[in-house]
């Protein structure tokens, strides 16, 4: 008897992906790009030993991959989806603008004053 894989549920909301989901996908992209960088290093070593035609061109491509991919991997791994106005990361504090200056009596001010010396 063959078991069927459950189908993925249909997305019925426009909610953003969870932080864990975003982090996991960025980690996968980073590891993939660094794996490609490692392959460029191994390929460069193999090309030097085999000495194919147009060796300098192949080596330049491998070196470019080894130099550019780490930078791109970090940039892409640190990239997050932009925050939208509809779903901000944190609630924005409301600014309080007093319309009338409040006057305090001397007694109220004494109660608020913190004196260091007894």
PDB file of N, CA and C in Angstrom:
ATOM      1  N   UNK A   1       0.842  -1.171   0.000  1.00  0.00           N
ATOM      2  CA  UNK A   1       0.000   0.000   0.000  1.00  0.00           C
ATOM      3  C   UNK A   1       0.889   1.236   0.000  1.00  0.00           C
ATOM      4  N   UNK A   2       0.642   2.152  -0.892  1.00  0.00           N
ATOM      5  CA  UNK A   2       1.437   3.361  -1.041  1.00  0.00           C
ATOM      6  C   UNK A   2       0.753   4.504  -0.301  1.00  0.00           C
ATOM      7  N   UNK A   3       1.532   5.171   0.566  1.00  0.00           N
ATOM      8  CA  UNK A   3       0.979   6.315   1.287  1.00  0.00           C
ATOM      9  C   UNK A   3       1.136   7.562   0.453  1.00  0.00           C
ATOM     10  N   UNK A   4       0.127   8.372   0.429  1.00  0.00           N
ATOM     11  CA  UNK A   4       0.187   9.641  -0.290  1.00  0.00           C
ATOM     12  C   UNK A   4       0.794  10.697   0.620  1.00  0.00           C
ATOM     13  N   UNK A   5       1.598  11.530   0.033  1.00  0.00           N
ATOM     14  CA  UNK A   5       2.143  12.667   0.769  1.00  0.00           C
ATOM     15  C   UNK A   5       1.031  13.702   0.926  1.00  0.00           C
ATOM     16  N   UNK A   6       0.890  14.254   2.117  1.00  0.00           N
ATOM     17  CA  UNK A   6      -0.147  15.287   2.266  1.00  0.00           C
ATOM     18  C   UNK A   6       0.205  16.509   1.438  1.00  0.00           C
ATOM     19  N   UNK A   7      -0.802  17.073   0.821  1.00  0.00           N
ATOM     20  CA  UNK A   7      -0.584  18.261   0.004  1.00  0.00           C
ATOM     21  C   UNK A   7      -0.399  19.471   0.900  1.00  0.00           C
ATOM     22  N   UNK A   8       0.346  20.432   0.393  1.00  0.00           N
ATOM     23  CA  UNK A   8       0.536  21.670   1.142  1.00  0.00           C
ATOM     24  C   UNK A   8      -0.777  22.426   1.185  1.00  0.00           C
ATOM     25  N   UNK A   9      -1.083  23.046   2.300  1.00  0.00           N
ATOM     26  CA  UNK A   9      -2.341  23.801   2.380  1.00  0.00           C
ATOM     27  C   UNK A   9      -2.305  25.010   1.459  1.00  0.00           C
ATOM     28  N   UNK A  10      -3.458  25.405   1.040  1.00  0.00           N
ATOM     29  CA  UNK A  10      -3.596  26.557   0.161  1.00  0.00           C
ATOM     30  C   UNK A  10      -3.411  27.819   0.997  1.00  0.00           C
ATOM     31  N   UNK A  11      -2.632  28.742   0.480  1.00  0.00           N
ATOM     32  CA  UNK A  11      -2.390  30.001   1.180  1.00  0.00           C
ATOM     33  C   UNK A  11      -3.595  30.915   0.979  1.00  0.00           C
ATOM     34  N   UNK A  12      -4.253  31.257   2.082  1.00  0.00           N
ATOM     35  CA  UNK A  12      -5.452  32.084   1.972  1.00  0.00           C
ATOM     36  C   UNK A  12      -5.292  33.419   2.676  1.00  0.00           C
ATOM     37  N   UNK A  13      -4.062  33.768   3.027  1.00  0.00           N
ATOM     38  CA  UNK A  13      -3.832  35.022   3.722  1.00  0.00           C
ATOM     39  C   UNK A  13      -2.639  35.732   3.102  1.00  0.00           C
ATOM     40  N   UNK A  14      -2.541  36.993   3.375  1.00  0.00           N
ATOM     41  CA  UNK A  14      -1.381  37.733   2.874  1.00  0.00           C
ATOM     42  C   UNK A  14      -0.414  38.047   4.014  1.00  0.00           C
ATOM     43  N   UNK A  15      -0.453  37.236   5.090  1.00  0.00           N
ATOM     44  CA  UNK A  15       0.437  37.440   6.224  1.00  0.00           C
ATOM     45  C   UNK A  15       1.877  37.142   5.805  1.00  0.00           C
ATOM     46  N   UNK A  16       2.795  37.848   6.427  1.00  0.00           N
ATOM     47  CA  UNK A  16       4.218  37.645   6.129  1.00  0.00           C
ATOM     48  C   UNK A  16       4.674  36.297   6.681  1.00  0.00           C
ATOM     49  N   UNK A  17       5.748  35.781   6.079  1.00  0.00           N
ATOM     50  CA  UNK A  17       6.328  34.532   6.561  1.00  0.00           C
ATOM     51  C   UNK A  17       6.897  34.752   7.956  1.00  0.00           C
ATOM     52  N   UNK A  18       6.953  33.704   8.736  1.00  0.00           N
ATOM     53  CA  UNK A  18       7.462  33.821  10.101  1.00  0.00           C
ATOM     54  C   UNK A  18       8.965  34.111  10.075  1.00  0.00           C
ATOM     55  N   UNK A  19       9.471  34.638  11.183  1.00  0.00           N
ATOM     56  CA  UNK A  19      10.897  34.947  11.290  1.00  0.00           C
ATOM     57  C   UNK A  19      11.729  33.680  11.129  1.00  0.00           C
ATOM     58  N   UNK A  20      11.286  32.574  11.705  1.00  0.00           N
ATOM     59  CA  UNK A  20      12.028  31.314  11.603  1.00  0.00           C
ATOM     60  C   UNK A  20      12.086  30.833  10.160  1.00  0.00           C
ATOM     61  N   UNK A  21      10.984  30.975   9.443  1.00  0.00           N
ATOM     62  CA  UNK A  21      10.937  30.585   8.027  1.00  0.00           C
ATOM     63  C   UNK A  21      11.910  31.424   7.199  1.00  0.00           C
ATOM     64  N   UNK A  22      11.905  32.713   7.430  1.00  0.00           N
ATOM     65  CA  UNK A  22      12.799  33.605   6.690  1.00  0.00           C
ATOM     66  C   UNK A  22      14.258  33.290   7.000  1.00  0.00           C
ATOM     67  N   UNK A  23      14.561  33.063   8.279  1.00  0.00           N
ATOM     68  CA  UNK A  23      15.929  32.758   8.677  1.00  0.00           C
ATOM     69  C   UNK A  23      16.394  31.452   8.050  1.00  0.00           C
ATOM     70  N   UNK A  24      15.541  30.449   8.061  1.00  0.00           N
ATOM     71  CA  UNK A  24      15.897  29.144   7.484  1.00  0.00           C
ATOM     72  C   UNK A  24      16.191  29.268   5.989  1.00  0.00           C
ATOM     73  N   UNK A  25      15.393  29.998   5.254  1.00  0.00           N
ATOM     74  CA  UNK A  25      15.627  30.134   3.813  1.00  0.00           C
ATOM     75  C   UNK A  25      16.905  30.924   3.546  1.00  0.00           C
ATOM     76  N   UNK A  26      17.205  31.927   4.379  1.00  0.00           N
ATOM     77  CA  UNK A  26      18.450  32.674   4.206  1.00  0.00           C
ATOM     78  C   UNK A  26      19.656  31.806   4.516  1.00  0.00           C
ATOM     79  N   UNK A  27      19.541  30.930   5.526  1.00  0.00           N
ATOM     80  CA  UNK A  27      20.633  30.028   5.853  1.00  0.00           C
ATOM     81  C   UNK A  27      20.897  29.050   4.705  1.00  0.00           C
ATOM     82  N   UNK A  28      19.835  28.550   4.107  1.00  0.00           N
ATOM     83  CA  UNK A  28      19.988  27.615   2.988  1.00  0.00           C
ATOM     84  C   UNK A  28      20.679  28.308   1.815  1.00  0.00           C
ATOM     85  N   UNK A  29      20.281  29.548   1.507  1.00  0.00           N
ATOM     86  CA  UNK A  29      20.927  30.291   0.419  1.00  0.00           C
ATOM     87  C   UNK A  29      22.406  30.524   0.717  1.00  0.00           C
ATOM     88  N   UNK A  30      22.719  30.859   1.960  1.00  0.00           N
ATOM     89  CA  UNK A  30      24.109  31.129   2.334  1.00  0.00           C
ATOM     90  C   UNK A  30      24.963  29.862   2.181  1.00  0.00           C
ATOM     91  N   UNK A  31      24.484  28.750   2.719  1.00  0.00           N
ATOM     92  CA  UNK A  31      25.251  27.504   2.642  1.00  0.00           C
ATOM     93  C   UNK A  31      25.398  27.059   1.190  1.00  0.00           C
ATOM     94  N   UNK A  32      24.376  27.233   0.384  1.00  0.00           N
ATOM     95  CA  UNK A  32      24.459  26.869  -1.029  1.00  0.00           C
ATOM     96  C   UNK A  32      25.528  27.696  -1.747  1.00  0.00           C
ATOM     97  N   UNK A  33      25.529  28.999  -1.509  1.00  0.00           N
ATOM     98  CA  UNK A  33      26.512  29.858  -2.186  1.00  0.00           C
ATOM     99  C   UNK A  33      27.930  29.559  -1.708  1.00  0.00           C
ATOM    100  N   UNK A  34      28.107  29.273  -0.435  1.00  0.00           N
ATOM    101  CA  UNK A  34      29.441  28.945   0.056  1.00  0.00           C
ATOM    102  C   UNK A  34      29.882  27.573  -0.457  1.00  0.00           C
ATOM    103  N   UNK A  35      28.930  26.678  -0.693  1.00  0.00           N
ATOM    104  CA  UNK A  35      29.259  25.392  -1.311  1.00  0.00           C
ATOM    105  C   UNK A  35      29.740  25.585  -2.743  1.00  0.00           C
ATOM    106  N   UNK A  36      29.102  26.486  -3.472  1.00  0.00           N
ATOM    107  CA  UNK A  36      29.541  26.791  -4.839  1.00  0.00           C
ATOM    108  C   UNK A  36      30.940  27.402  -4.809  1.00  0.00           C
ATOM    109  N   UNK A  37      31.221  28.225  -3.808  1.00  0.00           N
ATOM    110  CA  UNK A  37      32.565  28.803  -3.656  1.00  0.00           C
ATOM    111  C   UNK A  37      33.599  27.693  -3.443  1.00  0.00           C
ATOM    112  N   UNK A  38      33.260  26.718  -2.610  1.00  0.00           N
ATOM    113  CA  UNK A  38      34.173  25.591  -2.378  1.00  0.00           C
ATOM    114  C   UNK A  38      34.404  24.811  -3.668  1.00  0.00           C
ATOM    115  N   UNK A  39      33.346  24.643  -4.453  1.00  0.00           N
ATOM    116  CA  UNK A  39      33.489  23.954  -5.735  1.00  0.00           C
ATOM    117  C   UNK A  39      34.396  24.730  -6.682  1.00  0.00           C
ATOM    118  N   UNK A  40      34.347  26.058  -6.634  1.00  0.00           N
ATOM    119  CA  UNK A  40      35.252  26.865  -7.466  1.00  0.00           C
ATOM    120  C   UNK A  40      36.698  26.618  -7.076  1.00  0.00           C
ATOM    121  N   UNK A  41      36.978  26.496  -5.785  1.00  0.00           N
ATOM    122  CA  UNK A  41      38.330  26.232  -5.320  1.00  0.00           C
ATOM    123  C   UNK A  41      38.800  24.857  -5.783  1.00  0.00           C
ATOM    124  N   UNK A  42      37.953  23.850  -5.630  1.00  0.00           N
ATOM    125  CA  UNK A  42      38.316  22.488  -6.049  1.00  0.00           C
ATOM    126  C   UNK A  42      38.482  22.426  -7.565  1.00  0.00           C
ATOM    127  N   UNK A  43      37.577  23.073  -8.284  1.00  0.00           N
ATOM    128  CA  UNK A  43      37.662  23.094  -9.749  1.00  0.00           C
ATOM    129  C   UNK A  43      38.937  23.784 -10.208  1.00  0.00           C
ATOM    130  N   UNK A  44      39.327  24.873  -9.539  1.00  0.00           N
ATOM    131  CA  UNK A  44      40.579  25.552  -9.892  1.00  0.00           C
ATOM    132  C   UNK A  44      41.781  24.658  -9.699  1.00  0.00           C
ATOM    133  N   UNK A  45      41.811  23.879  -8.613  1.00  0.00           N
ATOM    134  CA  UNK A  45      42.928  22.953  -8.370  1.00  0.00           C
ATOM    135  C   UNK A  45      42.958  21.860  -9.432  1.00  0.00           C
ATOM    136  N   UNK A  46      41.788  21.354  -9.802  1.00  0.00           N
ATOM    137  CA  UNK A  46      41.731  20.307 -10.839  1.00  0.00           C
ATOM    138  C   UNK A  46      42.172  20.870 -12.181  1.00  0.00           C
ATOM    139  N   UNK A  47      41.731  22.080 -12.515  1.00  0.00           N
ATOM    140  CA  UNK A  47      42.105  22.690 -13.795  1.00  0.00           C
ATOM    141  C   UNK A  47      43.616  22.908 -13.883  1.00  0.00           C
ATOM    142  N   UNK A  48      44.252  23.288 -12.787  1.00  0.00           N
ATOM    143  CA  UNK A  48      45.703  23.490 -12.820  1.00  0.00           C
ATOM    144  C   UNK A  48      46.418  22.180 -13.102  1.00  0.00           C
ATOM    145  N   UNK A  49      45.928  21.087 -12.537  1.00  0.00           N
ATOM    146  CA  UNK A  49      46.593  19.802 -12.763  1.00  0.00           C
ATOM    147  C   UNK A  49      46.304  19.242 -14.162  1.00  0.00           C
ATOM    148  N   UNK A  50      45.139  19.517 -14.727  1.00  0.00           N
ATOM    149  CA  UNK A  50      44.768  18.974 -16.044  1.00  0.00           C
ATOM    150  C   UNK A  50      45.333  19.832 -17.172  1.00  0.00           C
ATOM    151  N   UNK A  51      45.471  21.135 -16.969  1.00  0.00           N
ATOM    152  CA  UNK A  51      45.970  22.090 -17.970  1.00  0.00           C
ATOM    153  C   UNK A  51      45.122  22.078 -19.254  1.00  0.00           C
ATOM    154  N   UNK A  52      43.823  22.416 -19.160  1.00  0.00           N
ATOM    155  CA  UNK A  52      42.982  22.439 -20.364  1.00  0.00           C
ATOM    156  C   UNK A  52      43.285  23.673 -21.207  1.00  0.00           C
ATOM    157  N   UNK A  53      42.758  23.715 -22.438  1.00  0.00           N
ATOM    158  CA  UNK A  53      42.924  24.931 -23.222  1.00  0.00           C
ATOM    159  C   UNK A  53      42.197  26.102 -22.550  1.00  0.00           C
ATOM    160  N   UNK A  54      42.691  27.281 -22.749  1.00  0.00           N
ATOM    161  CA  UNK A  54      42.156  28.508 -22.138  1.00  0.00           C
ATOM    162  C   UNK A  54      42.205  28.453 -20.604  1.00  0.00           C
ATOM    163  N   UNK A  55      43.284  27.880 -20.078  1.00  0.00           N
ATOM    164  CA  UNK A  55      43.436  27.749 -18.627  1.00  0.00           C
ATOM    165  C   UNK A  55      43.353  29.089 -17.896  1.00  0.00           C
ATOM    166  N   UNK A  56      44.015  30.150 -18.380  1.00  0.00           N
ATOM    167  CA  UNK A  56      43.914  31.423 -17.643  1.00  0.00           C
ATOM    168  C   UNK A  56      42.475  31.938 -17.525  1.00  0.00           C
ATOM    169  N   UNK A  57      41.689  31.762 -18.565  1.00  0.00           N
ATOM    170  CA  UNK A  57      40.298  32.201 -18.520  1.00  0.00           C
ATOM    171  C   UNK A  57      39.516  31.422 -17.468  1.00  0.00           C
ATOM    172  N   UNK A  58      39.682  30.106 -17.425  1.00  0.00           N
ATOM    173  CA  UNK A  58      38.993  29.283 -16.447  1.00  0.00           C
ATOM    174  C   UNK A  58      39.421  29.633 -15.019  1.00  0.00           C
ATOM    175  N   UNK A  59      40.715  29.894 -14.845  1.00  0.00           N
ATOM    176  CA  UNK A  59      41.202  30.248 -13.514  1.00  0.00           C
ATOM    177  C   UNK A  59      40.662  31.609 -13.068  1.00  0.00           C
ATOM    178  N   UNK A  60      40.577  32.542 -14.005  1.00  0.00           N
ATOM    179  CA  UNK A  60      40.012  33.853 -13.663  1.00  0.00           C
ATOM    180  C   UNK A  60      38.562  33.703 -13.228  1.00  0.00           C
ATOM    181  N   UNK A  61      37.805  32.862 -13.912  1.00  0.00           N
ATOM    182  CA  UNK A  61      36.407  32.633 -13.519  1.00  0.00           C
ATOM    183  C   UNK A  61      36.314  31.979 -12.141  1.00  0.00           C
ATOM    184  N   UNK A  62      37.202  31.021 -11.865  1.00  0.00           N
ATOM    185  CA  UNK A  62      37.185  30.366 -10.552  1.00  0.00           C
ATOM    186  C   UNK A  62      37.562  31.347  -9.443  1.00  0.00           C
ATOM    187  N   UNK A  63      38.577  32.169  -9.680  1.00  0.00           N
ATOM    188  CA  UNK A  63      38.995  33.143  -8.679  1.00  0.00           C
ATOM    189  C   UNK A  63      37.891  34.180  -8.469  1.00  0.00           C
ATOM    190  N   UNK A  64      37.254  34.607  -9.533  1.00  0.00           N
ATOM    191  CA  UNK A  64      36.159  35.566  -9.402  1.00  0.00           C
ATOM    192  C   UNK A  64      35.031  34.968  -8.562  1.00  0.00           C
ATOM    193  N   UNK A  65      34.725  33.701  -8.783  1.00  0.00           N
ATOM    194  CA  UNK A  65      33.703  33.031  -7.981  1.00  0.00           C
ATOM    195  C   UNK A  65      34.102  32.934  -6.521  1.00  0.00           C
ATOM    196  N   UNK A  66      35.389  32.668  -6.272  1.00  0.00           N
ATOM    197  CA  UNK A  66      35.850  32.553  -4.879  1.00  0.00           C
ATOM    198  C   UNK A  66      35.882  33.900  -4.172  1.00  0.00           C
ATOM    199  N   UNK A  67      36.042  34.986  -4.906  1.00  0.00           N
ATOM    200  CA  UNK A  67      36.116  36.309  -4.293  1.00  0.00           C
ATOM    201  C   UNK A  67      34.729  36.940  -4.170  1.00  0.00           C
ATOM    202  N   UNK A  68      33.910  36.817  -5.193  1.00  0.00           N
ATOM    203  CA  UNK A  68      32.614  37.500  -5.215  1.00  0.00           C
ATOM    204  C   UNK A  68      31.540  36.750  -4.423  1.00  0.00           C
ATOM    205  N   UNK A  69      31.562  35.423  -4.466  1.00  0.00           N
ATOM    206  CA  UNK A  69      30.494  34.666  -3.806  1.00  0.00           C
ATOM    207  C   UNK A  69      30.394  34.880  -2.295  1.00  0.00           C
ATOM    208  N   UNK A  70      31.497  34.967  -1.535  1.00  0.00           N
ATOM    209  CA  UNK A  70      31.325  35.219  -0.099  1.00  0.00           C
ATOM    210  C   UNK A  70      30.634  36.553   0.183  1.00  0.00           C
ATOM    211  N   UNK A  71      31.002  37.577  -0.558  1.00  0.00           N
ATOM    212  CA  UNK A  71      30.379  38.887  -0.378  1.00  0.00           C
ATOM    213  C   UNK A  71      28.885  38.811  -0.694  1.00  0.00           C
ATOM    214  N   UNK A  72      28.547  38.198  -1.823  1.00  0.00           N
ATOM    215  CA  UNK A  72      27.136  38.062  -2.196  1.00  0.00           C
ATOM    216  C   UNK A  72      26.378  37.199  -1.198  1.00  0.00           C
ATOM    217  N   UNK A  73      27.015  36.133  -0.703  1.00  0.00           N
ATOM    218  CA  UNK A  73      26.344  35.243   0.246  1.00  0.00           C
ATOM    219  C   UNK A  73      25.978  35.987   1.522  1.00  0.00           C
ATOM    220  N   UNK A  74      26.879  36.818   2.014  1.00  0.00           N
ATOM    221  CA  UNK A  74      26.591  37.577   3.236  1.00  0.00           C
ATOM    222  C   UNK A  74      25.507  38.609   2.969  1.00  0.00           C
ATOM    223  N   UNK A  75      25.584  39.289   1.839  1.00  0.00           N
ATOM    224  CA  UNK A  75      24.577  40.298   1.519  1.00  0.00           C
ATOM    225  C   UNK A  75      23.182  39.666   1.399  1.00  0.00           C
ATOM    226  N   UNK A  76      23.093  38.540   0.739  1.00  0.00           N
ATOM    227  CA  UNK A  76      21.801  37.889   0.546  1.00  0.00           C
ATOM    228  C   UNK A  76      21.309  37.278   1.855  1.00  0.00           C
ATOM    229  N   UNK A  77      22.231  36.720   2.658  1.00  0.00           N
ATOM    230  CA  UNK A  77      21.817  36.114   3.930  1.00  0.00           C
ATOM    231  C   UNK A  77      21.306  37.156   4.911  1.00  0.00           C
ATOM    232  N   UNK A  78      21.818  38.373   4.839  1.00  0.00           N
ATOM    233  CA  UNK A  78      21.369  39.423   5.746  1.00  0.00           C
ATOM    234  C   UNK A  78      20.153  40.179   5.229  1.00  0.00           C
ATOM    235  N   UNK A  79      19.732  39.903   4.026  1.00  0.00           N
ATOM    236  CA  UNK A  79      18.611  40.605   3.425  1.00  0.00           C
ATOM    237  C   UNK A  79      17.300  40.050   3.972  1.00  0.00           C
ATOM    238  N   UNK A  80      16.401  40.943   4.340  1.00  0.00           N
ATOM    239  CA  UNK A  80      15.066  40.566   4.800  1.00  0.00           C
ATOM    240  C   UNK A  80      14.041  41.227   3.907  1.00  0.00           C
ATOM    241  N   UNK A  81      12.831  40.691   3.909  1.00  0.00           N
ATOM    242  CA  UNK A  81      11.788  41.392   3.154  1.00  0.00           C
ATOM    243  C   UNK A  81      11.532  42.761   3.780  1.00  0.00           C
ATOM    244  N   UNK A  82      11.200  43.741   2.989  1.00  0.00           N
ATOM    245  CA  UNK A  82      10.956  45.075   3.544  1.00  0.00           C
ATOM    246  C   UNK A  82       9.738  45.080   4.457  1.00  0.00           C
ATOM    247  N   UNK A  83       9.809  45.938   5.451  1.00  0.00           N
ATOM    248  CA  UNK A  83       8.676  46.079   6.370  1.00  0.00           C
ATOM    249  C   UNK A  83       7.608  46.922   5.692  1.00  0.00           C
ATOM    250  N   UNK A  84       6.380  46.494   5.816  1.00  0.00           N
ATOM    251  CA  UNK A  84       5.297  47.248   5.197  1.00  0.00           C
ATOM    252  C   UNK A  84       4.629  48.127   6.239  1.00  0.00           C
ATOM    253  N   UNK A  85       3.936  49.132   5.777  1.00  0.00           N
ATOM    254  CA  UNK A  85       3.219  50.019   6.701  1.00  0.00           C
ATOM    255  C   UNK A  85       2.040  49.295   7.341  1.00  0.00           C
ATOM    256  N   UNK A  86       1.490  48.323   6.627  1.00  0.00           N
ATOM    257  CA  UNK A  86       0.343  47.597   7.161  1.00  0.00           C
ATOM    258  C   UNK A  86       0.765  46.642   8.275  1.00  0.00           C
ATOM    259  N   UNK A  87       2.007  46.156   8.231  1.00  0.00           N
ATOM    260  CA  UNK A  87       2.485  45.189   9.213  1.00  0.00           C
ATOM    261  C   UNK A  87       3.844  45.624   9.737  1.00  0.00           C
ATOM    262  N   UNK A  88       3.919  46.689  10.553  1.00  0.00           N
ATOM    263  CA  UNK A  88       5.213  47.132  11.060  1.00  0.00           C
ATOM    264  C   UNK A  88       5.776  46.140  12.062  1.00  0.00           C
ATOM    265  N   UNK A  89       7.087  46.177  12.248  1.00  0.00           N
ATOM    266  CA  UNK A  89       7.739  45.235  13.155  1.00  0.00           C
ATOM    267  C   UNK A  89       7.358  45.505  14.606  1.00  0.00           C
ATOM    268  N   UNK A  90       7.249  46.750  14.975  1.00  0.00           N
ATOM    269  CA  UNK A  90       6.896  47.106  16.346  1.00  0.00           C
ATOM    270  C   UNK A  90       5.864  48.224  16.304  1.00  0.00           C
ATOM    271  N   UNK A  91       4.994  48.250  17.280  1.00  0.00           N
ATOM    272  CA  UNK A  91       4.016  49.343  17.288  1.00  0.00           C
ATOM    273  C   UNK A  91       4.720  50.686  17.465  1.00  0.00           C
ATOM    274  N   UNK A  92       4.254  51.640  16.724  1.00  0.00           N
ATOM    275  CA  UNK A  92       4.843  52.971  16.780  1.00  0.00           C
ATOM    276  C   UNK A  92       4.250  53.745  17.956  1.00  0.00           C
ATOM    277  N   UNK A  93       5.098  54.360  18.784  1.00  0.00           N
ATOM    278  CA  UNK A  93       4.562  55.122  19.909  1.00  0.00           C
ATOM    279  C   UNK A  93       3.870  56.384  19.418  1.00  0.00           C
ATOM    280  N   UNK A  94       2.798  56.706  20.084  1.00  0.00           N
ATOM    281  CA  UNK A  94       2.079  57.917  19.721  1.00  0.00           C
ATOM    282  C   UNK A  94       2.692  59.093  20.467  1.00  0.00           C
ATOM    283  N   UNK A  95       2.863  60.173  19.769  1.00  0.00           N
ATOM    284  CA  UNK A  95       3.456  61.343  20.388  1.00  0.00           C
ATOM    285  C   UNK A  95       2.373  62.146  21.088  1.00  0.00           C
ATOM    286  N   UNK A  96       2.675  62.543  22.319  1.00  0.00           N
ATOM    287  CA  UNK A  96       1.742  63.337  23.113  1.00  0.00           C
ATOM    288  C   UNK A  96       2.169  64.799  23.033  1.00  0.00           C
ATOM    289  N   UNK A  97       1.312  65.617  22.506  1.00  0.00           N
ATOM    290  CA  UNK A  97       1.609  67.049  22.431  1.00  0.00           C
ATOM    291  C   UNK A  97       0.638  67.777  23.336  1.00  0.00           C
ATOM    292  N   UNK A  98       1.136  68.275  24.467  1.00  0.00           N
ATOM    293  CA  UNK A  98       0.233  68.979  25.380  1.00  0.00           C
ATOM    294  C   UNK A  98      -0.233  70.298  24.773  1.00  0.00           C
ATOM    295  N   UNK A  99      -1.497  70.549  24.924  1.00  0.00           N
ATOM    296  CA  UNK A  99      -2.051  71.795  24.381  1.00  0.00           C
ATOM    297  C   UNK A  99      -1.983  72.928  25.388  1.00  0.00           C
ATOM    298  N   UNK A 100      -2.065  72.589  26.670  1.00  0.00           N
ATOM    299  CA  UNK A 100      -2.032  73.605  27.708  1.00  0.00           C
ATOM    300  C   UNK A 100      -0.900  73.249  28.663  1.00  0.00           C
ATOM    301  N   UNK A 101      -0.069  74.217  28.989  1.00  0.00           N
ATOM    302  CA  UNK A 101       1.004  73.960  29.937  1.00  0.00           C
ATOM    303  C   UNK A 101       0.395  73.748  31.320  1.00  0.00           C
ATOM    304  N   UNK A 102       0.847  72.698  31.941  1.00  0.00           N
ATOM    305  CA  UNK A 102       0.315  72.393  33.259  1.00  0.00           C
ATOM    306  C   UNK A 102       1.142  73.138  34.307  1.00  0.00           C
ATOM    307  N   UNK A 103       0.444  73.714  35.246  1.00  0.00           N
ATOM    308  CA  UNK A 103       1.136  74.401  36.327  1.00  0.00           C
ATOM    309  C   UNK A 103       1.078  73.528  37.567  1.00  0.00           C
ATOM    310  N   UNK A 104       2.211  73.427  38.219  1.00  0.00           N
ATOM    311  CA  UNK A 104       2.319  72.599  39.417  1.00  0.00           C
ATOM    312  C   UNK A 104       2.503  73.500  40.637  1.00  0.00           C
ATOM    313  N   UNK A 105       1.952  73.057  41.735  1.00  0.00           N
ATOM    314  CA  UNK A 105       2.145  73.812  42.970  1.00  0.00           C
ATOM    315  C   UNK A 105       3.493  73.421  43.578  1.00  0.00           C
ATOM    316  N   UNK A 106       3.980  74.229  44.507  1.00  0.00           N
ATOM    317  CA  UNK A 106       5.262  73.948  45.156  1.00  0.00           C
ATOM    318  C   UNK A 106       5.227  72.629  45.904  1.00  0.00           C
ATOM    319  N   UNK A 107       4.077  72.296  46.471  1.00  0.00           N
ATOM    320  CA  UNK A 107       3.954  71.057  47.234  1.00  0.00           C
ATOM    321  C   UNK A 107       4.099  69.838  46.326  1.00  0.00           C
ATOM    322  N   UNK A 108       3.499  69.883  45.136  1.00  0.00           N
ATOM    323  CA  UNK A 108       3.634  68.779  44.186  1.00  0.00           C
ATOM    324  C   UNK A 108       5.076  68.631  43.722  1.00  0.00           C
ATOM    325  N   UNK A 109       5.767  69.748  43.543  1.00  0.00           N
ATOM    326  CA  UNK A 109       7.154  69.698  43.098  1.00  0.00           C
ATOM    327  C   UNK A 109       8.042  69.102  44.185  1.00  0.00           C
ATOM    328  N   UNK A 110       7.785  69.419  45.462  1.00  0.00           N
ATOM    329  CA  UNK A 110       8.568  68.857  46.566  1.00  0.00           C
ATOM    330  C   UNK A 110       8.427  67.341  46.620  1.00  0.00           C
ATOM    331  N   UNK A 111       7.252  66.846  46.377  1.00  0.00           N
ATOM    332  CA  UNK A 111       7.044  65.395  46.424  1.00  0.00           C
ATOM    333  C   UNK A 111       7.778  64.676  45.293  1.00  0.00           C
ATOM    334  N   UNK A 112       7.981  65.349  44.212  1.00  0.00           N
ATOM    335  CA  UNK A 112       8.662  64.738  43.077  1.00  0.00           C
ATOM    336  C   UNK A 112      10.182  64.860  43.179  1.00  0.00           C
ATOM    337  N   UNK A 113      10.684  65.778  43.980  1.00  0.00           N
ATOM    338  CA  UNK A 113      12.111  66.021  44.059  1.00  0.00           C
ATOM    339  C   UNK A 113      12.787  64.885  44.826  1.00  0.00           C
ATOM    340  N   UNK A 114      13.884  64.416  44.272  1.00  0.00           N
ATOM    341  CA  UNK A 114      14.676  63.382  44.919  1.00  0.00           C
ATOM    342  C   UNK A 114      15.911  64.062  45.491  1.00  0.00           C
ATOM    343  N   UNK A 115      16.048  63.997  46.796  1.00  0.00           N
ATOM    344  CA  UNK A 115      17.169  64.640  47.441  1.00  0.00           C
ATOM    345  C   UNK A 115      18.192  63.586  47.829  1.00  0.00           C
ATOM    346  N   UNK A 116      19.453  63.827  47.494  1.00  0.00           N
ATOM    347  CA  UNK A 116      20.503  62.846  47.764  1.00  0.00           C
ATOM    348  C   UNK A 116      20.931  62.931  49.230  1.00  0.00           C
ATOM    349  N   UNK A 117      21.043  64.105  49.742  1.00  0.00           N
ATOM    350  CA  UNK A 117      21.493  64.270  51.125  1.00  0.00           C
ATOM    351  C   UNK A 117      20.286  64.318  52.049  1.00  0.00           C
ATOM    352  N   UNK A 118      20.394  63.685  53.239  1.00  0.00           N
ATOM    353  CA  UNK A 118      19.255  63.692  54.178  1.00  0.00           C
ATOM    354  C   UNK A 118      19.049  65.023  54.866  1.00  0.00           C
TER     355      UNK A 118
END
